[in-house]
Amino acid sequence: MDRVLYESEESIAVLTLNRPDKRNAIDDALIDELRTSLDRAANDDGVRVIVIRGAGKDFCAGADLSQLERVAAGADPIQNLEDASALAELFIAIRRNPKPVIAAVHGNAFAGGAGLATACDMIVCAESARFAYTEVRLGFVPAMVMALLRRILGEKLAFELAAFGDAIQADEAFRIGLVNRVVPDKDLEHAVIKFARDLATRSPSALRLIKRLFYGIDGVTFEQAITRGAEVNALARATPDCQEGVRAFLENRRS
């Protein structure tokens, strides 16, 4: 494990993409190590929130040259499918992880790097950060990330980002709803840890249920979403966190 560093402190697991000399480019080994680290954090009862960040000047510049060289050399369809499926399964793993995953983005998040940040539940970025889904400039398609962009931004903006491949600055990413917070570059590390710690003070069981329901109502009718919400509502009432929280609220009101 050298491509992803794992640190855990005060309920926060920090996963650092550790290929600064390669601008944290994504290769098979990085994907494997990131999935292993995500599973480790998911199974650690002491971890409540996960942060993914990049070492060096950039968050992640996209695919490693070795993968691009396979494409240029005319890799067979099975190899292409395996490469694409590995990244797709990483995005799905982030969604299925029961704990909130925050991307801390600085520098460039391009192509697959932008996709990785977008796949996280929330994004906190530095003022100088840039996001770009640049695949179209190589005659390629930002295929998996379009499932995310369309849900986050809607059809028109998502289509524009995928079709042009232009970089957008942090303030524009915030304006269109792609990121949650923009902070000064020098404050990014402190700000994202504070953001994560604040989130970690919330009920772990409630956060798990929120994430599961939030993504579980994709593509269902309004009535189905409301029904699933009622089921989760009933389940949440039975958790110790909820019962203790309601008791504390009532005792405070009575005092």
Protein backbone atom coordinates (compact mmCIF):
# COMPACT_ATOMS: atom_id res chain seq x y z
CA MET A 1 0.00 0.00 0.00
CA ASP A 2 1.98 3.02 -1.23
CA ARG A 3 -0.39 4.72 -3.66
CA VAL A 4 -2.97 5.54 -0.98
CA LEU A 5 -1.98 6.59 2.53
CA TYR A 6 -4.43 5.83 5.35
CA GLU A 7 -4.67 7.94 8.50
CA SER A 8 -7.36 7.84 11.15
CA GLU A 9 -7.85 10.29 14.02
CA GLU A 10 -10.83 11.62 15.97
CA SER A 11 -13.47 9.78 13.94
CA ILE A 12 -12.02 10.88 10.58
CA ALA A 13 -10.27 8.56 8.11
CA VAL A 14 -8.10 10.51 5.65
CA LEU A 15 -7.17 8.70 2.43
CA THR A 16 -4.38 10.46 0.55
CA LEU A 17 -3.70 9.73 -3.12
CA ASN A 18 0.06 9.38 -2.96
CA ARG A 19 1.52 9.71 -6.46
CA PRO A 20 2.53 13.40 -6.41
CA ASP A 21 5.18 12.86 -9.10
CA LYS A 22 2.40 11.57 -11.37
CA ARG A 23 -0.11 14.21 -10.26
CA ASN A 24 -1.92 11.33 -8.50
CA ALA A 25 -2.88 9.77 -11.83
CA ILE A 26 -5.23 6.81 -11.61
CA ASP A 27 -3.91 3.36 -12.42
CA ASP A 28 -5.06 -0.15 -11.52
CA ALA A 29 -3.02 -0.25 -8.31
CA LEU A 30 -4.36 3.10 -7.07
CA ILE A 31 -7.94 1.97 -7.68
CA ASP A 32 -7.32 -1.28 -5.79
CA GLU A 33 -5.69 0.49 -2.85
CA LEU A 34 -8.39 3.15 -2.68
CA ARG A 35 -11.11 0.50 -2.58
CA THR A 36 -9.22 -1.39 0.13
CA SER A 37 -8.89 1.81 2.16
CA LEU A 38 -12.57 2.64 1.73
CA ASP A 39 -13.50 -0.84 2.96
CA ARG A 40 -11.14 -0.46 5.93
CA ALA A 41 -12.80 2.82 6.93
CA ALA A 42 -16.27 1.37 6.44
CA ASN A 43 -15.49 -1.51 8.80
CA ASP A 44 -13.85 0.64 11.49
CA ASP A 45 -16.43 1.54 14.13
CA GLY A 46 -14.21 4.43 15.22
CA VAL A 47 -14.51 6.13 11.83
CA ARG A 48 -17.57 8.25 11.11
CA VAL A 49 -16.46 10.32 8.09
CA ILE A 50 -14.00 9.65 5.25
CA VAL A 51 -11.90 12.30 3.46
CA ILE A 52 -10.14 11.72 0.13
CA ARG A 53 -7.38 14.13 -0.80
CA GLY A 54 -4.32 14.28 -3.06
CA ALA A 55 -0.63 14.72 -2.26
CA GLY A 56 1.44 17.31 -4.09
CA LYS A 57 0.18 20.05 -6.41
CA ASP A 58 -3.02 18.42 -7.68
CA PHE A 59 -5.92 16.37 -6.42
CA CYS A 60 -5.83 14.02 -9.41
CA ALA A 61 -4.96 14.56 -13.06
CA GLY A 62 -6.93 11.62 -14.44
CA ALA A 63 -5.83 8.36 -16.03
CA ASP A 64 -2.24 7.17 -15.80
CA LEU A 65 -0.20 7.22 -19.00
CA SER A 66 0.01 3.42 -18.93
CA GLN A 67 -3.75 3.21 -19.39
CA LEU A 68 -3.74 5.81 -22.15
CA GLU A 69 -0.94 3.91 -23.90
CA ARG A 70 -3.07 0.75 -23.86
CA VAL A 71 -5.85 2.70 -25.57
CA ALA A 72 -3.48 4.16 -28.17
CA ALA A 73 -2.05 0.71 -28.88
CA GLY A 74 -5.52 -0.68 -29.54
CA ALA A 75 -6.23 -2.73 -26.42
CA ASP A 76 -8.70 -5.53 -26.97
CA PRO A 77 -12.34 -4.99 -25.95
CA ILE A 78 -12.05 -7.22 -22.88
CA GLN A 79 -9.10 -5.20 -21.54
CA ASN A 80 -10.99 -1.97 -22.22
CA LEU A 81 -14.03 -3.27 -20.38
CA GLU A 82 -11.93 -4.37 -17.41
CA ASP A 83 -10.29 -0.92 -17.18
CA ALA A 84 -13.61 0.88 -17.38
CA SER A 85 -15.30 -1.50 -14.95
CA ALA A 86 -12.59 -1.01 -12.31
CA LEU A 87 -13.23 2.75 -12.20
CA ALA A 88 -16.99 2.25 -12.35
CA GLU A 89 -16.84 -0.14 -9.40
CA LEU A 90 -14.81 2.42 -7.43
CA PHE A 91 -17.50 5.06 -7.98
CA ILE A 92 -20.16 2.57 -6.90
CA ALA A 93 -18.11 1.61 -3.83
CA ILE A 94 -18.07 5.25 -2.73
CA ARG A 95 -21.84 5.43 -3.07
CA ARG A 96 -22.34 2.15 -1.19
CA ASN A 97 -19.92 3.01 1.60
CA PRO A 98 -22.15 3.53 4.63
CA LYS A 99 -20.17 6.58 5.79
CA PRO A 100 -20.07 10.05 4.22
CA VAL A 101 -17.13 10.55 1.84
CA ILE A 102 -15.75 14.07 1.33
CA ALA A 103 -13.35 15.05 -1.46
CA ALA A 104 -10.79 17.70 -0.47
CA VAL A 105 -9.75 19.17 -3.83
CA HIS A 106 -6.80 21.43 -4.57
CA GLY A 107 -5.05 22.14 -7.85
CA ASN A 108 -6.48 20.22 -10.78
CA ALA A 109 -9.17 17.57 -10.73
CA PHE A 110 -9.26 16.54 -14.37
CA ALA A 111 -10.90 13.68 -16.30
CA GLY A 112 -11.02 10.62 -14.02
CA GLY A 113 -9.83 12.84 -11.16
CA ALA A 114 -12.85 15.08 -11.62
CA GLY A 115 -14.96 11.93 -11.78
CA LEU A 116 -13.50 10.68 -8.50
CA ALA A 117 -14.25 13.97 -6.74
CA THR A 118 -17.75 14.06 -8.22
CA ALA A 119 -18.42 10.50 -7.01
CA CYS A 120 -17.86 11.59 -3.40
CA ASP A 121 -20.84 12.67 -1.32
CA MET A 122 -19.52 16.20 -0.83
CA ILE A 123 -16.63 18.36 -2.08
CA VAL A 124 -14.64 21.01 -0.22
CA CYS A 125 -12.15 22.74 -2.49
CA ALA A 126 -9.48 25.42 -2.51
CA GLU A 127 -10.06 28.70 -4.33
CA SER A 128 -7.46 27.79 -6.97
CA ALA A 129 -8.97 24.35 -7.68
CA ARG A 130 -10.08 23.57 -11.21
CA PHE A 131 -12.44 20.87 -12.45
CA ALA A 132 -12.59 19.53 -16.01
CA TYR A 133 -14.10 16.47 -17.68
CA THR A 134 -11.53 16.56 -20.46
CA GLU A 135 -12.10 13.16 -22.07
CA VAL A 136 -13.82 14.63 -25.15
CA ARG A 137 -10.58 16.41 -26.07
CA LEU A 138 -9.02 12.97 -26.64
CA GLY A 139 -11.97 11.72 -28.67
CA PHE A 140 -13.04 9.90 -25.52
CA VAL A 141 -16.19 10.07 -23.39
CA PRO A 142 -16.59 10.87 -19.66
CA ALA A 143 -19.02 7.99 -19.63
CA MET A 144 -19.42 6.87 -16.01
CA VAL A 145 -19.31 10.37 -14.55
CA MET A 146 -22.24 11.48 -16.71
CA ALA A 147 -24.52 9.41 -14.48
CA LEU A 148 -23.32 11.60 -11.61
CA LEU A 149 -23.23 14.96 -13.39
CA ARG A 150 -26.76 14.64 -14.74
CA ARG A 151 -28.09 14.01 -11.23
CA ILE A 152 -26.07 16.82 -9.65
CA LEU A 153 -26.38 19.56 -12.27
CA GLY A 154 -29.27 18.65 -14.54
CA GLU A 155 -29.21 18.02 -18.28
CA LYS A 156 -28.06 21.32 -19.78
CA LEU A 157 -25.06 22.02 -17.56
CA ALA A 158 -23.98 18.38 -17.44
CA PHE A 159 -24.10 18.13 -21.23
CA GLU A 160 -22.04 21.32 -21.60
CA LEU A 161 -19.31 20.14 -19.23
CA ALA A 162 -19.07 16.73 -20.92
CA ALA A 163 -19.25 18.07 -24.50
CA PHE A 164 -16.76 20.95 -24.20
CA GLY A 165 -14.29 19.51 -21.69
CA ASP A 166 -13.35 23.00 -20.50
CA ALA A 167 -11.97 23.63 -17.03
CA ILE A 168 -14.11 25.55 -14.56
CA GLN A 169 -12.77 27.45 -11.57
CA ALA A 170 -13.75 26.77 -7.98
CA ASP A 171 -16.14 29.72 -7.74
CA GLU A 172 -18.01 28.57 -10.85
CA ALA A 173 -18.12 25.00 -9.53
CA PHE A 174 -19.72 26.34 -6.35
CA ARG A 175 -22.17 28.54 -8.27
CA ILE A 176 -23.53 25.62 -10.28
CA GLY A 177 -23.71 23.30 -7.27
CA LEU A 178 -20.84 20.96 -8.07
CA VAL A 179 -19.00 21.67 -4.79
CA ASN A 180 -20.19 22.37 -1.25
CA ARG A 181 -17.53 24.77 0.06
CA VAL A 182 -14.74 26.93 -1.39
CA VAL A 183 -12.00 28.07 0.99
CA PRO A 184 -8.68 29.91 0.70
CA ASP A 185 -5.88 27.63 -0.46
CA LYS A 186 -3.94 28.00 2.79
CA ASP A 187 -6.99 26.99 4.83
CA LEU A 188 -8.04 23.89 2.88
CA GLU A 189 -6.56 21.25 5.18
CA HIS A 190 -7.94 22.87 8.33
CA ALA A 191 -11.31 23.66 6.73
CA VAL A 192 -11.97 20.15 5.39
CA ILE A 193 -11.03 18.51 8.70
CA LYS A 194 -13.30 20.93 10.58
CA PHE A 195 -16.09 20.22 8.07
CA ALA A 196 -15.57 16.47 8.57
CA ARG A 197 -15.41 16.73 12.36
CA ASP A 198 -18.60 18.78 12.47
CA LEU A 199 -20.30 16.12 10.37
CA ALA A 200 -18.89 13.38 12.61
CA THR A 201 -20.72 14.88 15.60
CA ARG A 202 -24.02 13.86 14.01
CA SER A 203 -25.59 10.53 14.80
CA PRO A 204 -23.70 7.72 12.99
CA SER A 205 -26.88 5.71 12.50
CA ALA A 206 -28.74 8.74 11.13
CA LEU A 207 -25.90 9.51 8.69
CA ARG A 208 -25.94 5.92 7.44
CA LEU A 209 -29.70 6.01 6.93
CA ILE A 210 -29.56 9.43 5.25
CA LYS A 211 -26.93 8.25 2.76
CA ARG A 212 -28.73 4.98 2.04
CA LEU A 213 -32.09 6.68 1.47
CA PHE A 214 -30.62 9.65 -0.42
CA TYR A 215 -29.17 7.47 -3.15
CA GLY A 216 -31.81 4.76 -2.82
CA ILE A 217 -34.55 7.01 -4.17
CA ASP A 218 -32.76 7.64 -7.50
CA GLY A 219 -35.04 6.77 -10.38
CA VAL A 220 -38.14 5.97 -8.33
CA THR A 221 -41.52 7.68 -8.44
CA PHE A 222 -42.51 10.35 -5.95
CA GLU A 223 -44.84 7.94 -4.21
CA GLN A 224 -42.12 5.28 -3.96
CA ALA A 225 -39.66 7.83 -2.56
CA ILE A 226 -42.13 8.97 0.08
CA THR A 227 -42.89 5.36 1.01
CA ARG A 228 -39.21 4.53 1.38
CA GLY A 229 -38.80 7.67 3.44
CA ALA A 230 -41.56 6.51 5.78
CA GLU A 231 -39.82 3.15 6.18
CA VAL A 232 -36.52 4.82 7.04
CA ASN A 233 -38.33 7.22 9.37
CA ALA A 234 -39.74 4.27 11.28
CA LEU A 235 -36.37 2.53 11.34
CA ALA A 236 -34.61 5.66 12.61
CA ARG A 237 -37.07 5.96 15.50
CA ALA A 238 -35.96 2.56 16.75
CA THR A 239 -32.24 3.44 16.91
CA PRO A 240 -30.61 4.24 20.28
CA ASP A 241 -29.25 7.51 18.84
CA CYS A 242 -32.73 8.74 17.98
CA GLN A 243 -34.29 7.65 21.26
CA GLU A 244 -31.53 9.27 23.30
CA GLY A 245 -31.70 12.43 21.22
CA VAL A 246 -35.45 12.78 21.61
CA ARG A 247 -35.23 12.14 25.36
CA ALA A 248 -32.55 14.82 25.73
CA PHE A 249 -34.66 17.27 23.70
CA LEU A 250 -37.76 16.63 25.82
CA GLU A 251 -35.84 16.92 29.08
CA ASN A 252 -34.38 20.23 27.92
CA ARG A 253 -37.84 21.54 26.98
CA ARG A 254 -39.24 20.54 30.38
CA SER A 255 -36.44 22.15 32.38
